[in-house]
Amino acid sequence: MDEAEQQARRQRLKELLAIPDRERTDAQWDELNELEIMMAVSNRPGAPIPGNKPGGQQQPRQGGQPNHPGTPGGGRKFHNRPRRGRPPPGR
């Protein structure tokens, strides 16, 4: 995409954004959404792919709960406690 195309898209985006939300047609909304997606930084050629780290290796997650043996995913186990003052339903 060359600079002239970029400029034309930016101009059209400005024109569509100048129209009040309640007065836009469905076709204008669709065009606006499409232009915003195309103009997003992450969709431009040469943009880095999200989640990829330099060097090609994923970094381990920092913080959080340590993995405990016997618990899938680690962390704390939570148990339901009986309610006070009322008998359980069905009794």
PDB file of N, CA and C in Angstrom:
ATOM      1  N   MET A   1       0.856  -1.160   0.000  1.00  0.00           N
ATOM      2  CA  MET A   1       0.000   0.000   0.000  1.00  0.00           C
ATOM      3  C   MET A   1       0.906   1.227   0.000  1.00  0.00           C
ATOM      4  N   ASP A   2       0.711   2.103  -0.930  1.00  0.00           N
ATOM      5  CA  ASP A   2       1.571   3.275  -1.015  1.00  0.00           C
ATOM      6  C   ASP A   2       0.993   4.445  -0.207  1.00  0.00           C
ATOM      7  N   GLU A   3       1.744   5.517  -0.163  1.00  0.00           N
ATOM      8  CA  GLU A   3       1.364   6.679   0.656  1.00  0.00           C
ATOM      9  C   GLU A   3       0.060   7.314   0.185  1.00  0.00           C
ATOM     10  N   ALA A   4      -0.190   7.325  -1.132  1.00  0.00           N
ATOM     11  CA  ALA A   4      -1.426   7.929  -1.659  1.00  0.00           C
ATOM     12  C   ALA A   4      -2.656   7.154  -1.169  1.00  0.00           C
ATOM     13  N   GLU A   5      -2.573   5.829  -1.168  1.00  0.00           N
ATOM     14  CA  GLU A   5      -3.685   5.013  -0.675  1.00  0.00           C
ATOM     15  C   GLU A   5      -3.912   5.257   0.813  1.00  0.00           C
ATOM     16  N   GLN A   6      -2.822   5.316   1.586  1.00  0.00           N
ATOM     17  CA  GLN A   6      -2.922   5.574   3.021  1.00  0.00           C
ATOM     18  C   GLN A   6      -3.612   6.906   3.273  1.00  0.00           C
ATOM     19  N   GLN A   7      -3.206   7.919   2.524  1.00  0.00           N
ATOM     20  CA  GLN A   7      -3.776   9.258   2.692  1.00  0.00           C
ATOM     21  C   GLN A   7      -5.264   9.256   2.354  1.00  0.00           C
ATOM     22  N   ALA A   8      -5.644   8.554   1.283  1.00  0.00           N
ATOM     23  CA  ALA A   8      -7.051   8.492   0.888  1.00  0.00           C
ATOM     24  C   ALA A   8      -7.875   7.785   1.968  1.00  0.00           C
ATOM     25  N   ARG A   9      -7.328   6.711   2.549  1.00  0.00           N
ATOM     26  CA  ARG A   9      -8.047   5.999   3.611  1.00  0.00           C
ATOM     27  C   ARG A   9      -8.193   6.866   4.858  1.00  0.00           C
ATOM     28  N   ARG A  10      -7.124   7.580   5.204  1.00  0.00           N
ATOM     29  CA  ARG A  10      -7.205   8.484   6.368  1.00  0.00           C
ATOM     30  C   ARG A  10      -8.275   9.554   6.153  1.00  0.00           C
ATOM     31  N   GLN A  11      -8.322  10.104   4.932  1.00  0.00           N
ATOM     32  CA  GLN A  11      -9.306  11.143   4.612  1.00  0.00           C
ATOM     33  C   GLN A  11     -10.722  10.587   4.705  1.00  0.00           C
ATOM     34  N   ARG A  12     -10.937   9.395   4.151  1.00  0.00           N
ATOM     35  CA  ARG A  12     -12.280   8.784   4.204  1.00  0.00           C
ATOM     36  C   ARG A  12     -12.669   8.471   5.646  1.00  0.00           C
ATOM     37  N   LEU A  13     -11.710   8.031   6.446  1.00  0.00           N
ATOM     38  CA  LEU A  13     -11.973   7.746   7.855  1.00  0.00           C
ATOM     39  C   LEU A  13     -12.409   9.023   8.570  1.00  0.00           C
ATOM     40  N   LYS A  14     -11.736  10.132   8.301  1.00  0.00           N
ATOM     41  CA  LYS A  14     -12.105  11.417   8.903  1.00  0.00           C
ATOM     42  C   LYS A  14     -13.512  11.828   8.485  1.00  0.00           C
ATOM     43  N   GLU A  15     -13.832  11.622   7.204  1.00  0.00           N
ATOM     44  CA  GLU A  15     -15.175  11.968   6.718  1.00  0.00           C
ATOM     45  C   GLU A  15     -16.243  11.155   7.430  1.00  0.00           C
ATOM     46  N   LEU A  16     -16.001   9.865   7.587  1.00  0.00           N
ATOM     47  CA  LEU A  16     -16.984   9.009   8.253  1.00  0.00           C
ATOM     48  C   LEU A  16     -17.116   9.355   9.732  1.00  0.00           C
ATOM     49  N   LEU A  17     -16.003   9.690  10.371  1.00  0.00           N
ATOM     50  CA  LEU A  17     -16.055  10.046  11.796  1.00  0.00           C
ATOM     51  C   LEU A  17     -16.741  11.390  12.022  1.00  0.00           C
ATOM     52  N   ALA A  18     -16.782  12.229  10.999  1.00  0.00           N
ATOM     53  CA  ALA A  18     -17.450  13.528  11.114  1.00  0.00           C
ATOM     54  C   ALA A  18     -18.973  13.386  11.138  1.00  0.00           C
ATOM     55  N   ILE A  19     -19.492  12.266  10.657  1.00  0.00           N
ATOM     56  CA  ILE A  19     -20.934  12.029  10.644  1.00  0.00           C
ATOM     57  C   ILE A  19     -21.346  11.598  12.058  1.00  0.00           C
ATOM     58  N   PRO A  20     -22.362  12.240  12.648  1.00  0.00           N
ATOM     59  CA  PRO A  20     -22.821  11.823  13.978  1.00  0.00           C
ATOM     60  C   PRO A  20     -23.254  10.356  13.978  1.00  0.00           C
ATOM     61  N   ASP A  21     -23.001   9.669  15.093  1.00  0.00           N
ATOM     62  CA  ASP A  21     -23.289   8.234  15.192  1.00  0.00           C
ATOM     63  C   ASP A  21     -24.724   7.898  14.804  1.00  0.00           C
ATOM     64  N   ARG A  22     -25.667   8.669  15.292  1.00  0.00           N
ATOM     65  CA  ARG A  22     -27.089   8.335  15.054  1.00  0.00           C
ATOM     66  C   ARG A  22     -27.518   8.551  13.605  1.00  0.00           C
ATOM     67  N   GLU A  23     -26.701   9.280  12.824  1.00  0.00           N
ATOM     68  CA  GLU A  23     -27.052   9.554  11.428  1.00  0.00           C
ATOM     69  C   GLU A  23     -26.332   8.655  10.429  1.00  0.00           C
ATOM     70  N   ARG A  24     -25.416   7.811  10.903  1.00  0.00           N
ATOM     71  CA  ARG A  24     -24.689   6.916   9.986  1.00  0.00           C
ATOM     72  C   ARG A  24     -25.579   5.766   9.542  1.00  0.00           C
ATOM     73  N   THR A  25     -25.443   5.411   8.271  1.00  0.00           N
ATOM     74  CA  THR A  25     -26.165   4.247   7.753  1.00  0.00           C
ATOM     75  C   THR A  25     -25.381   2.983   8.099  1.00  0.00           C
ATOM     76  N   ASP A  26     -26.011   1.835   7.920  1.00  0.00           N
ATOM     77  CA  ASP A  26     -25.318   0.567   8.176  1.00  0.00           C
ATOM     78  C   ASP A  26     -24.097   0.413   7.271  1.00  0.00           C
ATOM     79  N   ALA A  27     -24.225   0.824   6.026  1.00  0.00           N
ATOM     80  CA  ALA A  27     -23.098   0.728   5.087  1.00  0.00           C
ATOM     81  C   ALA A  27     -21.938   1.613   5.554  1.00  0.00           C
ATOM     82  N   GLN A  28     -22.256   2.802   6.069  1.00  0.00           N
ATOM     83  CA  GLN A  28     -21.206   3.691   6.571  1.00  0.00           C
ATOM     84  C   GLN A  28     -20.535   3.098   7.817  1.00  0.00           C
ATOM     85  N   TRP A  29     -21.332   2.487   8.690  1.00  0.00           N
ATOM     86  CA  TRP A  29     -20.756   1.827   9.865  1.00  0.00           C
ATOM     87  C   TRP A  29     -19.820   0.700   9.438  1.00  0.00           C
ATOM     88  N   ASP A  30     -20.253  -0.099   8.470  1.00  0.00           N
ATOM     89  CA  ASP A  30     -19.415  -1.199   7.984  1.00  0.00           C
ATOM     90  C   ASP A  30     -18.104  -0.677   7.400  1.00  0.00           C
ATOM     91  N   GLU A  31     -18.190   0.372   6.590  1.00  0.00           N
ATOM     92  CA  GLU A  31     -16.991   0.946   5.986  1.00  0.00           C
ATOM     93  C   GLU A  31     -16.067   1.518   7.062  1.00  0.00           C
ATOM     94  N   LEU A  32     -16.644   2.182   8.052  1.00  0.00           N
ATOM     95  CA  LEU A  32     -15.857   2.751   9.142  1.00  0.00           C
ATOM     96  C   LEU A  32     -15.123   1.661   9.917  1.00  0.00           C
ATOM     97  N   ASN A  33     -15.833   0.595  10.243  1.00  0.00           N
ATOM     98  CA  ASN A  33     -15.212  -0.519  10.970  1.00  0.00           C
ATOM     99  C   ASN A  33     -14.084  -1.143  10.153  1.00  0.00           C
ATOM    100  N   GLU A  34     -14.321  -1.329   8.870  1.00  0.00           N
ATOM    101  CA  GLU A  34     -13.303  -1.928   8.002  1.00  0.00           C
ATOM    102  C   GLU A  34     -12.056  -1.037   7.921  1.00  0.00           C
ATOM    103  N   LEU A  35     -12.257   0.267   7.780  1.00  0.00           N
ATOM    104  CA  LEU A  35     -11.127   1.199   7.716  1.00  0.00           C
ATOM    105  C   LEU A  35     -10.351   1.215   9.031  1.00  0.00           C
ATOM    106  N   GLU A  36     -11.064   1.198  10.154  1.00  0.00           N
ATOM    107  CA  GLU A  36     -10.376   1.195  11.448  1.00  0.00           C
ATOM    108  C   GLU A  36      -9.544  -0.063  11.628  1.00  0.00           C
ATOM    109  N   ILE A  37     -10.055  -1.184  11.173  1.00  0.00           N
ATOM    110  CA  ILE A  37      -9.300  -2.436  11.276  1.00  0.00           C
ATOM    111  C   ILE A  37      -8.064  -2.382  10.386  1.00  0.00           C
ATOM    112  N   MET A  38      -8.227  -1.899   9.152  1.00  0.00           N
ATOM    113  CA  MET A  38      -7.086  -1.818   8.232  1.00  0.00           C
ATOM    114  C   MET A  38      -6.030  -0.839   8.726  1.00  0.00           C
ATOM    115  N   MET A  39      -6.462   0.259   9.353  1.00  0.00           N
ATOM    116  CA  MET A  39      -5.540   1.294   9.794  1.00  0.00           C
ATOM    117  C   MET A  39      -4.897   0.979  11.144  1.00  0.00           C
ATOM    118  N   ALA A  40      -5.358  -0.061  11.826  1.00  0.00           N
ATOM    119  CA  ALA A  40      -4.800  -0.411  13.131  1.00  0.00           C
ATOM    120  C   ALA A  40      -3.321  -0.740  12.993  1.00  0.00           C
ATOM    121  N   VAL A  41      -2.546  -0.334  13.980  1.00  0.00           N
ATOM    122  CA  VAL A  41      -1.089  -0.525  13.938  1.00  0.00           C
ATOM    123  C   VAL A  41      -0.731  -2.000  13.782  1.00  0.00           C
ATOM    124  N   SER A  42      -1.458  -2.865  14.461  1.00  0.00           N
ATOM    125  CA  SER A  42      -1.122  -4.292  14.424  1.00  0.00           C
ATOM    126  C   SER A  42      -1.404  -4.933  13.071  1.00  0.00           C
ATOM    127  N   ASN A  43      -2.186  -4.296  12.214  1.00  0.00           N
ATOM    128  CA  ASN A  43      -2.510  -4.867  10.901  1.00  0.00           C
ATOM    129  C   ASN A  43      -1.667  -4.289   9.776  1.00  0.00           C
ATOM    130  N   ARG A  44      -0.739  -3.424  10.106  1.00  0.00           N
ATOM    131  CA  ARG A  44       0.117  -2.850   9.071  1.00  0.00           C
ATOM    132  C   ARG A  44       1.232  -3.824   8.710  1.00  0.00           C
ATOM    133  N   PRO A  45       1.694  -3.790   7.455  1.00  0.00           N
ATOM    134  CA  PRO A  45       2.790  -4.676   7.059  1.00  0.00           C
ATOM    135  C   PRO A  45       4.031  -4.409   7.912  1.00  0.00           C
ATOM    136  N   GLY A  46       4.683  -5.486   8.334  1.00  0.00           N
ATOM    137  CA  GLY A  46       5.900  -5.367   9.123  1.00  0.00           C
ATOM    138  C   GLY A  46       5.656  -5.230  10.614  1.00  0.00           C
ATOM    139  N   ALA A  47       4.392  -5.217  11.045  1.00  0.00           N
ATOM    140  CA  ALA A  47       4.097  -5.100  12.471  1.00  0.00           C
ATOM    141  C   ALA A  47       4.429  -6.424  13.163  1.00  0.00           C
ATOM    142  N   PRO A  48       4.921  -6.365  14.416  1.00  0.00           N
ATOM    143  CA  PRO A  48       5.239  -7.598  15.119  1.00  0.00           C
ATOM    144  C   PRO A  48       3.972  -8.396  15.439  1.00  0.00           C
ATOM    145  N   ILE A  49       4.102  -9.701  15.481  1.00  0.00           N
ATOM    146  CA  ILE A  49       2.981 -10.576  15.809  1.00  0.00           C
ATOM    147  C   ILE A  49       2.829 -10.596  17.320  1.00  0.00           C
ATOM    148  N   PRO A  50       1.617 -10.328  17.848  1.00  0.00           N
ATOM    149  CA  PRO A  50       1.435 -10.303  19.298  1.00  0.00           C
ATOM    150  C   PRO A  50       1.809 -11.649  19.926  1.00  0.00           C
ATOM    151  N   GLY A  51       2.466 -11.602  21.066  1.00  0.00           N
ATOM    152  CA  GLY A  51       2.834 -12.816  21.782  1.00  0.00           C
ATOM    153  C   GLY A  51       4.212 -13.341  21.433  1.00  0.00           C
ATOM    154  N   ASN A  52       4.756 -12.920  20.309  1.00  0.00           N
ATOM    155  CA  ASN A  52       6.102 -13.367  19.940  1.00  0.00           C
ATOM    156  C   ASN A  52       7.130 -12.487  20.622  1.00  0.00           C
ATOM    157  N   LYS A  53       8.128 -13.105  21.217  1.00  0.00           N
ATOM    158  CA  LYS A  53       9.201 -12.380  21.888  1.00  0.00           C
ATOM    159  C   LYS A  53      10.433 -12.395  20.992  1.00  0.00           C
ATOM    160  N   PRO A  54      11.284 -11.380  21.112  1.00  0.00           N
ATOM    161  CA  PRO A  54      12.526 -11.410  20.342  1.00  0.00           C
ATOM    162  C   PRO A  54      13.320 -12.670  20.673  1.00  0.00           C
ATOM    163  N   GLY A  55      13.887 -13.290  19.696  1.00  0.00           N
ATOM    164  CA  GLY A  55      14.639 -14.520  19.911  1.00  0.00           C
ATOM    165  C   GLY A  55      13.801 -15.764  19.675  1.00  0.00           C
ATOM    166  N   GLY A  56      12.479 -15.599  19.505  1.00  0.00           N
ATOM    167  CA  GLY A  56      11.621 -16.728  19.171  1.00  0.00           C
ATOM    168  C   GLY A  56      11.218 -17.610  20.336  1.00  0.00           C
ATOM    169  N   GLN A  57      11.576 -17.258  21.566  1.00  0.00           N
ATOM    170  CA  GLN A  57      11.212 -18.088  22.708  1.00  0.00           C
ATOM    171  C   GLN A  57      10.207 -17.354  23.574  1.00  0.00           C
ATOM    172  N   GLN A  58       9.255 -18.108  24.090  1.00  0.00           N
ATOM    173  CA  GLN A  58       8.280 -17.543  25.009  1.00  0.00           C
ATOM    174  C   GLN A  58       8.911 -17.387  26.382  1.00  0.00           C
ATOM    175  N   GLN A  59       8.644 -16.276  27.033  1.00  0.00           N
ATOM    176  CA  GLN A  59       9.155 -16.050  28.374  1.00  0.00           C
ATOM    177  C   GLN A  59       8.224 -16.715  29.386  1.00  0.00           C
ATOM    178  N   PRO A  60       8.762 -17.275  30.478  1.00  0.00           N
ATOM    179  CA  PRO A  60       7.892 -17.864  31.491  1.00  0.00           C
ATOM    180  C   PRO A  60       7.063 -16.779  32.171  1.00  0.00           C
ATOM    181  N   ARG A  61       5.893 -17.158  32.621  1.00  0.00           N
ATOM    182  CA  ARG A  61       5.003 -16.216  33.271  1.00  0.00           C
ATOM    183  C   ARG A  61       5.545 -15.834  34.636  1.00  0.00           C
ATOM    184  N   GLN A  62       5.491 -14.576  34.954  1.00  0.00           N
ATOM    185  CA  GLN A  62       5.997 -14.088  36.228  1.00  0.00           C
ATOM    186  C   GLN A  62       4.859 -13.985  37.233  1.00  0.00           C
ATOM    187  N   GLY A  63       5.191 -14.177  38.525  1.00  0.00           N
ATOM    188  CA  GLY A  63       4.212 -13.980  39.587  1.00  0.00           C
ATOM    189  C   GLY A  63       3.163 -15.068  39.620  1.00  0.00           C
ATOM    190  N   GLY A  64       2.078 -14.803  40.301  1.00  0.00           N
ATOM    191  CA  GLY A  64       0.992 -15.774  40.398  1.00  0.00           C
ATOM    192  C   GLY A  64       1.278 -16.817  41.468  1.00  0.00           C
ATOM    193  N   GLN A  65       0.433 -17.793  41.536  1.00  0.00           N
ATOM    194  CA  GLN A  65       0.573 -18.857  42.527  1.00  0.00           C
ATOM    195  C   GLN A  65       1.515 -19.934  42.015  1.00  0.00           C
ATOM    196  N   PRO A  66       2.336 -20.508  42.900  1.00  0.00           N
ATOM    197  CA  PRO A  66       3.204 -21.601  42.457  1.00  0.00           C
ATOM    198  C   PRO A  66       2.393 -22.861  42.192  1.00  0.00           C
ATOM    199  N   ASN A  67       2.933 -23.739  41.361  1.00  0.00           N
ATOM    200  CA  ASN A  67       2.269 -25.016  41.116  1.00  0.00           C
ATOM    201  C   ASN A  67       2.470 -25.923  42.313  1.00  0.00           C
ATOM    202  N   HIS A  68       1.384 -26.467  42.825  1.00  0.00           N
ATOM    203  CA  HIS A  68       1.459 -27.416  43.925  1.00  0.00           C
ATOM    204  C   HIS A  68       1.169 -28.792  43.364  1.00  0.00           C
ATOM    205  N   PRO A  69       1.903 -29.811  43.803  1.00  0.00           N
ATOM    206  CA  PRO A  69       1.647 -31.152  43.300  1.00  0.00           C
ATOM    207  C   PRO A  69       0.217 -31.588  43.609  1.00  0.00           C
ATOM    208  N   GLY A  70      -0.405 -32.203  42.658  1.00  0.00           N
ATOM    209  CA  GLY A  70      -1.743 -32.751  42.863  1.00  0.00           C
ATOM    210  C   GLY A  70      -2.868 -31.797  42.547  1.00  0.00           C
ATOM    211  N   THR A  71      -2.572 -30.534  42.269  1.00  0.00           N
ATOM    212  CA  THR A  71      -3.634 -29.605  41.911  1.00  0.00           C
ATOM    213  C   THR A  71      -3.435 -29.164  40.472  1.00  0.00           C
ATOM    214  N   PRO A  72      -4.410 -29.432  39.617  1.00  0.00           N
ATOM    215  CA  PRO A  72      -4.242 -29.036  38.220  1.00  0.00           C
ATOM    216  C   PRO A  72      -4.172 -27.519  38.110  1.00  0.00           C
ATOM    217  N   GLY A  73      -3.117 -27.023  37.510  1.00  0.00           N
ATOM    218  CA  GLY A  73      -2.955 -25.591  37.330  1.00  0.00           C
ATOM    219  C   GLY A  73      -2.391 -24.889  38.546  1.00  0.00           C
ATOM    220  N   GLY A  74      -2.203 -25.592  39.651  1.00  0.00           N
ATOM    221  CA  GLY A  74      -1.620 -24.984  40.848  1.00  0.00           C
ATOM    222  C   GLY A  74      -2.578 -24.025  41.509  1.00  0.00           C
ATOM    223  N   GLY A  75      -2.088 -23.338  42.523  1.00  0.00           N
ATOM    224  CA  GLY A  75      -2.898 -22.353  43.200  1.00  0.00           C
ATOM    225  C   GLY A  75      -3.688 -22.953  44.349  1.00  0.00           C
ATOM    226  N   ARG A  76      -4.611 -22.158  44.872  1.00  0.00           N
ATOM    227  CA  ARG A  76      -5.392 -22.573  46.034  1.00  0.00           C
ATOM    228  C   ARG A  76      -6.625 -23.342  45.623  1.00  0.00           C
ATOM    229  N   LYS A  77      -7.039 -24.235  46.523  1.00  0.00           N
ATOM    230  CA  LYS A  77      -8.311 -24.931  46.337  1.00  0.00           C
ATOM    231  C   LYS A  77      -9.359 -24.207  47.174  1.00  0.00           C
ATOM    232  N   PHE A  78     -10.531 -24.021  46.616  1.00  0.00           N
ATOM    233  CA  PHE A  78     -11.612 -23.384  47.341  1.00  0.00           C
ATOM    234  C   PHE A  78     -12.716 -24.410  47.551  1.00  0.00           C
ATOM    235  N   HIS A  79     -13.253 -24.404  48.753  1.00  0.00           N
ATOM    236  CA  HIS A  79     -14.322 -25.330  49.099  1.00  0.00           C
ATOM    237  C   HIS A  79     -15.538 -24.524  49.526  1.00  0.00           C
ATOM    238  N   ASN A  80     -16.720 -25.063  49.212  1.00  0.00           N
ATOM    239  CA  ASN A  80     -17.953 -24.410  49.638  1.00  0.00           C
ATOM    240  C   ASN A  80     -18.159 -24.658  51.117  1.00  0.00           C
ATOM    241  N   ARG A  81     -18.510 -23.611  51.840  1.00  0.00           N
ATOM    242  CA  ARG A  81     -18.796 -23.729  53.255  1.00  0.00           C
ATOM    243  C   ARG A  81     -20.301 -23.757  53.438  1.00  0.00           C
ATOM    244  N   PRO A  82     -20.791 -24.491  54.426  1.00  0.00           N
ATOM    245  CA  PRO A  82     -22.234 -24.476  54.669  1.00  0.00           C
ATOM    246  C   PRO A  82     -22.671 -23.101  55.164  1.00  0.00           C
ATOM    247  N   ARG A  83     -23.896 -22.719  54.814  1.00  0.00           N
ATOM    248  CA  ARG A  83     -24.430 -21.418  55.240  1.00  0.00           C
ATOM    249  C   ARG A  83     -24.873 -21.498  56.693  1.00  0.00           C
ATOM    250  N   ARG A  84     -24.726 -20.388  57.371  1.00  0.00           N
ATOM    251  CA  ARG A  84     -25.160 -20.328  58.770  1.00  0.00           C
ATOM    252  C   ARG A  84     -26.590 -19.857  58.855  1.00  0.00           C
ATOM    253  N   GLY A  85     -27.302 -20.346  59.862  1.00  0.00           N
ATOM    254  CA  GLY A  85     -28.630 -19.823  60.177  1.00  0.00           C
ATOM    255  C   GLY A  85     -29.770 -20.449  59.409  1.00  0.00           C
ATOM    256  N   ARG A  86     -29.533 -21.029  58.268  1.00  0.00           N
ATOM    257  CA  ARG A  86     -30.609 -21.653  57.507  1.00  0.00           C
ATOM    258  C   ARG A  86     -30.258 -23.095  57.233  1.00  0.00           C
ATOM    259  N   PRO A  87     -31.218 -23.964  57.309  1.00  0.00           N
ATOM    260  CA  PRO A  87     -30.928 -25.358  56.956  1.00  0.00           C
ATOM    261  C   PRO A  87     -30.701 -25.479  55.459  1.00  0.00           C
ATOM    262  N   PRO A  88     -29.887 -26.430  55.052  1.00  0.00           N
ATOM    263  CA  PRO A  88     -29.655 -26.613  53.612  1.00  0.00           C
ATOM    264  C   PRO A  88     -30.967 -26.954  52.902  1.00  0.00           C
ATOM    265  N   PRO A  89     -31.119 -26.553  51.632  1.00  0.00           N
ATOM    266  CA  PRO A  89     -32.355 -26.860  50.900  1.00  0.00           C
ATOM    267  C   PRO A  89     -32.567 -28.366  50.763  1.00  0.00           C
ATOM    268  N   GLY A  90     -33.837 -28.758  50.873  1.00  0.00           N
ATOM    269  CA  GLY A  90     -34.181 -30.159  50.684  1.00  0.00           C
ATOM    270  C   GLY A  90     -34.179 -30.963  51.984  1.00  0.00           C
ATOM    271  N   ARG A  91     -33.992 -30.322  53.126  1.00  0.00           N
ATOM    272  CA  ARG A  91     -34.017 -31.059  54.399  1.00  0.00           C
ATOM    273  C   ARG A  91     -35.072 -30.562  55.315  1.00  0.00           C
TER     274      ARG A  91
END
